[in-house]
Every structure is written in structure tokens, then in C-alpha cells.
Amino acid sequence: MVVIHDIFRYSAINGLSNWLKGLTLTIFTLIVGILLVMLYVILIHGDKLNPSFGY
């Protein structure tokens, strides 16, 4: 909890309202969660994936 409090105090979102701070933290957490799920899928099923680049 101290880490979240320090993030709010020393970051650019310090002057925002509480609901906007919560929205910002929620969006950040959602993006990090999506990236972790993508990493999991690549690590577990990477040998079966067939990526194609270009058209």
C-alpha cells in the first residue's frame, strides 16, 4: 500500500481527482495483465504457433 501511495504522490497523476487516479491505475494494471497473459501463451504454446509477417 505504501508503494501505491508513493506512486500517487510522486508521479504526474498527483493532481488528478481520486476517481481518475483509480481509472489510471486500473488501465495500467489491465495492460500489464494482458502482457503477462500474452507472455504465458507464447511460453507455453510458442512451439505450436505459426507467426506470419507481411501481407
PDB file of N, CA and C in Angstrom:
ATOM      1  N   MET A   1       0.823  -1.191   0.000  1.00  0.00           N
ATOM      2  CA  MET A   1       0.000   0.000   0.000  1.00  0.00           C
ATOM      3  C   MET A   1       0.868   1.256   0.000  1.00  0.00           C
ATOM      4  N   VAL A   2       2.027   1.172   0.626  1.00  0.00           N
ATOM      5  CA  VAL A   2       2.938   2.311   0.668  1.00  0.00           C
ATOM      6  C   VAL A   2       3.451   2.622  -0.729  1.00  0.00           C
ATOM      7  N   VAL A   3       3.686   1.577  -1.526  1.00  0.00           N
ATOM      8  CA  VAL A   3       4.182   1.773  -2.887  1.00  0.00           C
ATOM      9  C   VAL A   3       3.150   2.519  -3.723  1.00  0.00           C
ATOM     10  N   ILE A   4       1.894   2.130  -3.625  1.00  0.00           N
ATOM     11  CA  ILE A   4       0.831   2.806  -4.384  1.00  0.00           C
ATOM     12  C   ILE A   4       0.698   4.253  -3.928  1.00  0.00           C
ATOM     13  N   HIS A   5       0.803   4.479  -2.635  1.00  0.00           N
ATOM     14  CA  HIS A   5       0.732   5.846  -2.112  1.00  0.00           C
ATOM     15  C   HIS A   5       1.890   6.693  -2.642  1.00  0.00           C
ATOM     16  N   ASP A   6       3.090   6.128  -2.685  1.00  0.00           N
ATOM     17  CA  ASP A   6       4.248   6.857  -3.223  1.00  0.00           C
ATOM     18  C   ASP A   6       4.106   7.117  -4.715  1.00  0.00           C
ATOM     19  N   ILE A   7       3.538   6.162  -5.449  1.00  0.00           N
ATOM     20  CA  ILE A   7       3.301   6.372  -6.883  1.00  0.00           C
ATOM     21  C   ILE A   7       2.352   7.543  -7.081  1.00  0.00           C
ATOM     22  N   PHE A   8       1.302   7.590  -6.297  1.00  0.00           N
ATOM     23  CA  PHE A   8       0.351   8.697  -6.426  1.00  0.00           C
ATOM     24  C   PHE A   8       0.982  10.029  -6.028  1.00  0.00           C
ATOM     25  N   ARG A   9       1.837  10.019  -5.030  1.00  0.00           N
ATOM     26  CA  ARG A   9       2.411  11.262  -4.527  1.00  0.00           C
ATOM     27  C   ARG A   9       3.480  11.839  -5.452  1.00  0.00           C
ATOM     28  N   TYR A  10       4.320  10.992  -6.045  1.00  0.00           N
ATOM     29  CA  TYR A  10       5.478  11.478  -6.795  1.00  0.00           C
ATOM     30  C   TYR A  10       5.330  11.378  -8.311  1.00  0.00           C
ATOM     31  N   SER A  11       4.174  10.999  -8.814  1.00  0.00           N
ATOM     32  CA  SER A  11       4.018  10.866 -10.264  1.00  0.00           C
ATOM     33  C   SER A  11       3.199  12.026 -10.824  1.00  0.00           C
ATOM     34  N   ALA A  12       2.998  11.987 -12.132  1.00  0.00           N
ATOM     35  CA  ALA A  12       2.265  13.057 -12.808  1.00  0.00           C
ATOM     36  C   ALA A  12       0.773  13.025 -12.494  1.00  0.00           C
ATOM     37  N   ILE A  13       0.271  11.929 -11.936  1.00  0.00           N
ATOM     38  CA  ILE A  13      -1.160  11.839 -11.634  1.00  0.00           C
ATOM     39  C   ILE A  13      -1.491  12.402 -10.256  1.00  0.00           C
ATOM     40  N   ASN A  14      -0.551  13.079  -9.632  1.00  0.00           N
ATOM     41  CA  ASN A  14      -0.747  13.613  -8.290  1.00  0.00           C
ATOM     42  C   ASN A  14      -1.900  14.609  -8.231  1.00  0.00           C
ATOM     43  N   GLY A  15      -2.054  15.464  -9.239  1.00  0.00           N
ATOM     44  CA  GLY A  15      -3.069  16.499  -9.191  1.00  0.00           C
ATOM     45  C   GLY A  15      -4.444  16.069  -9.663  1.00  0.00           C
ATOM     46  N   LEU A  16      -4.594  14.829 -10.072  1.00  0.00           N
ATOM     47  CA  LEU A  16      -5.879  14.360 -10.592  1.00  0.00           C
ATOM     48  C   LEU A  16      -6.827  14.001  -9.450  1.00  0.00           C
ATOM     49  N   SER A  17      -8.101  13.904  -9.787  1.00  0.00           N
ATOM     50  CA  SER A  17      -9.083  13.506  -8.778  1.00  0.00           C
ATOM     51  C   SER A  17      -8.927  12.019  -8.465  1.00  0.00           C
ATOM     52  N   ASN A  18      -9.555  11.596  -7.386  1.00  0.00           N
ATOM     53  CA  ASN A  18      -9.385  10.216  -6.923  1.00  0.00           C
ATOM     54  C   ASN A  18      -9.911   9.198  -7.926  1.00  0.00           C
ATOM     55  N   TRP A  19     -11.055   9.479  -8.557  1.00  0.00           N
ATOM     56  CA  TRP A  19     -11.600   8.502  -9.494  1.00  0.00           C
ATOM     57  C   TRP A  19     -10.739   8.422 -10.749  1.00  0.00           C
ATOM     58  N   LEU A  20     -10.102   9.519 -11.139  1.00  0.00           N
ATOM     59  CA  LEU A  20      -9.216   9.497 -12.298  1.00  0.00           C
ATOM     60  C   LEU A  20      -7.914   8.760 -11.972  1.00  0.00           C
ATOM     61  N   LYS A  21      -7.446   8.897 -10.737  1.00  0.00           N
ATOM     62  CA  LYS A  21      -6.281   8.119 -10.303  1.00  0.00           C
ATOM     63  C   LYS A  21      -6.602   6.625 -10.339  1.00  0.00           C
ATOM     64  N   GLY A  22      -7.767   6.266  -9.857  1.00  0.00           N
ATOM     65  CA  GLY A  22      -8.181   4.864  -9.878  1.00  0.00           C
ATOM     66  C   GLY A  22      -8.325   4.330 -11.286  1.00  0.00           C
ATOM     67  N   LEU A  23      -8.877   5.148 -12.175  1.00  0.00           N
ATOM     68  CA  LEU A  23      -9.022   4.741 -13.572  1.00  0.00           C
ATOM     69  C   LEU A  23      -7.659   4.540 -14.219  1.00  0.00           C
ATOM     70  N   THR A  24      -6.732   5.439 -13.946  1.00  0.00           N
ATOM     71  CA  THR A  24      -5.380   5.324 -14.491  1.00  0.00           C
ATOM     72  C   THR A  24      -4.699   4.058 -13.991  1.00  0.00           C
ATOM     73  N   LEU A  25      -4.812   3.788 -12.706  1.00  0.00           N
ATOM     74  CA  LEU A  25      -4.205   2.589 -12.137  1.00  0.00           C
ATOM     75  C   LEU A  25      -4.864   1.325 -12.679  1.00  0.00           C
ATOM     76  N   THR A  26      -6.175   1.359 -12.885  1.00  0.00           N
ATOM     77  CA  THR A  26      -6.886   0.213 -13.440  1.00  0.00           C
ATOM     78  C   THR A  26      -6.449  -0.071 -14.870  1.00  0.00           C
ATOM     79  N   ILE A  27      -6.331   0.964 -15.688  1.00  0.00           N
ATOM     80  CA  ILE A  27      -5.898   0.781 -17.078  1.00  0.00           C
ATOM     81  C   ILE A  27      -4.472   0.245 -17.120  1.00  0.00           C
ATOM     82  N   PHE A  28      -3.589   0.787 -16.281  1.00  0.00           N
ATOM     83  CA  PHE A  28      -2.208   0.299 -16.230  1.00  0.00           C
ATOM     84  C   PHE A  28      -2.165  -1.169 -15.817  1.00  0.00           C
ATOM     85  N   THR A  29      -2.939  -1.541 -14.802  1.00  0.00           N
ATOM     86  CA  THR A  29      -2.978  -2.922 -14.342  1.00  0.00           C
ATOM     87  C   THR A  29      -3.532  -3.840 -15.422  1.00  0.00           C
ATOM     88  N   LEU A  30      -4.536  -3.375 -16.147  1.00  0.00           N
ATOM     89  CA  LEU A  30      -5.114  -4.162 -17.234  1.00  0.00           C
ATOM     90  C   LEU A  30      -4.089  -4.404 -18.341  1.00  0.00           C
ATOM     91  N   ILE A  31      -3.336  -3.385 -18.715  1.00  0.00           N
ATOM     92  CA  ILE A  31      -2.318  -3.532 -19.756  1.00  0.00           C
ATOM     93  C   ILE A  31      -1.232  -4.509 -19.315  1.00  0.00           C
ATOM     94  N   VAL A  32      -0.767  -4.384 -18.085  1.00  0.00           N
ATOM     95  CA  VAL A  32       0.262  -5.297 -17.574  1.00  0.00           C
ATOM     96  C   VAL A  32      -0.277  -6.722 -17.517  1.00  0.00           C
ATOM     97  N   GLY A  33      -1.527  -6.889 -17.117  1.00  0.00           N
ATOM     98  CA  GLY A  33      -2.131  -8.222 -17.084  1.00  0.00           C
ATOM     99  C   GLY A  33      -2.224  -8.848 -18.465  1.00  0.00           C
ATOM    100  N   ILE A  34      -2.617  -8.057 -19.457  1.00  0.00           N
ATOM    101  CA  ILE A  34      -2.694  -8.561 -20.831  1.00  0.00           C
ATOM    102  C   ILE A  34      -1.311  -8.974 -21.321  1.00  0.00           C
ATOM    103  N   LEU A  35      -0.300  -8.170 -21.021  1.00  0.00           N
ATOM    104  CA  LEU A  35       1.061  -8.521 -21.428  1.00  0.00           C
ATOM    105  C   LEU A  35       1.543  -9.808 -20.761  1.00  0.00           C
ATOM    106  N   LEU A  36       1.197 -10.017 -19.495  1.00  0.00           N
ATOM    107  CA  LEU A  36       1.595 -11.245 -18.815  1.00  0.00           C
ATOM    108  C   LEU A  36       0.885 -12.461 -19.397  1.00  0.00           C
ATOM    109  N   VAL A  37      -0.386 -12.317 -19.756  1.00  0.00           N
ATOM    110  CA  VAL A  37      -1.116 -13.417 -20.394  1.00  0.00           C
ATOM    111  C   VAL A  37      -0.507 -13.734 -21.754  1.00  0.00           C
ATOM    112  N   MET A  38      -0.155 -12.709 -22.519  1.00  0.00           N
ATOM    113  CA  MET A  38       0.479 -12.929 -23.820  1.00  0.00           C
ATOM    114  C   MET A  38       1.823 -13.641 -23.657  1.00  0.00           C
ATOM    115  N   LEU A  39       2.607 -13.257 -22.662  1.00  0.00           N
ATOM    116  CA  LEU A  39       3.877 -13.928 -22.400  1.00  0.00           C
ATOM    117  C   LEU A  39       3.656 -15.388 -22.025  1.00  0.00           C
ATOM    118  N   TYR A  40       2.654 -15.662 -21.209  1.00  0.00           N
ATOM    119  CA  TYR A  40       2.331 -17.034 -20.816  1.00  0.00           C
ATOM    120  C   TYR A  40       1.963 -17.871 -22.033  1.00  0.00           C
ATOM    121  N   VAL A  41       1.124 -17.326 -22.904  1.00  0.00           N
ATOM    122  CA  VAL A  41       0.701 -18.066 -24.097  1.00  0.00           C
ATOM    123  C   VAL A  41       1.893 -18.345 -25.000  1.00  0.00           C
ATOM    124  N   ILE A  42       2.770 -17.371 -25.158  1.00  0.00           N
ATOM    125  CA  ILE A  42       3.949 -17.576 -26.005  1.00  0.00           C
ATOM    126  C   ILE A  42       4.880 -18.622 -25.392  1.00  0.00           C
ATOM    127  N   LEU A  43       5.072 -18.590 -24.088  1.00  0.00           N
ATOM    128  CA  LEU A  43       5.975 -19.550 -23.453  1.00  0.00           C
ATOM    129  C   LEU A  43       5.406 -20.966 -23.457  1.00  0.00           C
ATOM    130  N   ILE A  44       4.108 -21.102 -23.270  1.00  0.00           N
ATOM    131  CA  ILE A  44       3.504 -22.429 -23.203  1.00  0.00           C
ATOM    132  C   ILE A  44       3.245 -22.996 -24.591  1.00  0.00           C
ATOM    133  N   HIS A  45       2.704 -22.188 -25.501  1.00  0.00           N
ATOM    134  CA  HIS A  45       2.286 -22.675 -26.812  1.00  0.00           C
ATOM    135  C   HIS A  45       3.137 -22.124 -27.946  1.00  0.00           C
ATOM    136  N   GLY A  46       4.313 -21.616 -27.642  1.00  0.00           N
ATOM    137  CA  GLY A  46       5.139 -20.975 -28.653  1.00  0.00           C
ATOM    138  C   GLY A  46       5.639 -21.904 -29.737  1.00  0.00           C
ATOM    139  N   ASP A  47       5.860 -23.172 -29.397  1.00  0.00           N
ATOM    140  CA  ASP A  47       6.356 -24.101 -30.404  1.00  0.00           C
ATOM    141  C   ASP A  47       5.283 -24.488 -31.416  1.00  0.00           C
ATOM    142  N   LYS A  48       4.006 -24.266 -31.078  1.00  0.00           N
ATOM    143  CA  LYS A  48       2.914 -24.607 -31.988  1.00  0.00           C
ATOM    144  C   LYS A  48       2.387 -23.406 -32.765  1.00  0.00           C
ATOM    145  N   LEU A  49       2.854 -22.212 -32.423  1.00  0.00           N
ATOM    146  CA  LEU A  49       2.384 -21.012 -33.108  1.00  0.00           C
ATOM    147  C   LEU A  49       3.093 -20.859 -34.443  1.00  0.00           C
ATOM    148  N   ASN A  50       2.364 -20.350 -35.426  1.00  0.00           N
ATOM    149  CA  ASN A  50       2.929 -20.124 -36.749  1.00  0.00           C
ATOM    150  C   ASN A  50       2.761 -18.648 -37.094  1.00  0.00           C
ATOM    151  N   PRO A  51       3.687 -17.799 -36.640  1.00  0.00           N
ATOM    152  CA  PRO A  51       3.543 -16.368 -36.933  1.00  0.00           C
ATOM    153  C   PRO A  51       3.862 -16.081 -38.396  1.00  0.00           C
ATOM    154  N   SER A  52       3.109 -15.175 -38.971  1.00  0.00           N
ATOM    155  CA  SER A  52       3.387 -14.748 -40.345  1.00  0.00           C
ATOM    156  C   SER A  52       3.529 -13.234 -40.345  1.00  0.00           C
ATOM    157  N   PHE A  53       4.506 -12.755 -41.067  1.00  0.00           N
ATOM    158  CA  PHE A  53       4.787 -11.333 -41.129  1.00  0.00           C
ATOM    159  C   PHE A  53       4.561 -10.856 -42.552  1.00  0.00           C
ATOM    160  N   GLY A  54       4.072  -9.676 -42.689  1.00  0.00           N
ATOM    161  CA  GLY A  54       3.846  -9.124 -44.024  1.00  0.00           C
ATOM    162  C   GLY A  54       2.421  -9.355 -44.484  1.00  0.00           C
ATOM    163  N   TYR A  55       2.237  -9.311 -45.765  1.00  0.00           N
ATOM    164  CA  TYR A  55       0.894  -9.423 -46.339  1.00  0.00           C
ATOM    165  C   TYR A  55       0.583 -10.823 -46.769  1.00  0.00           C
TER     166      TYR A  55
END
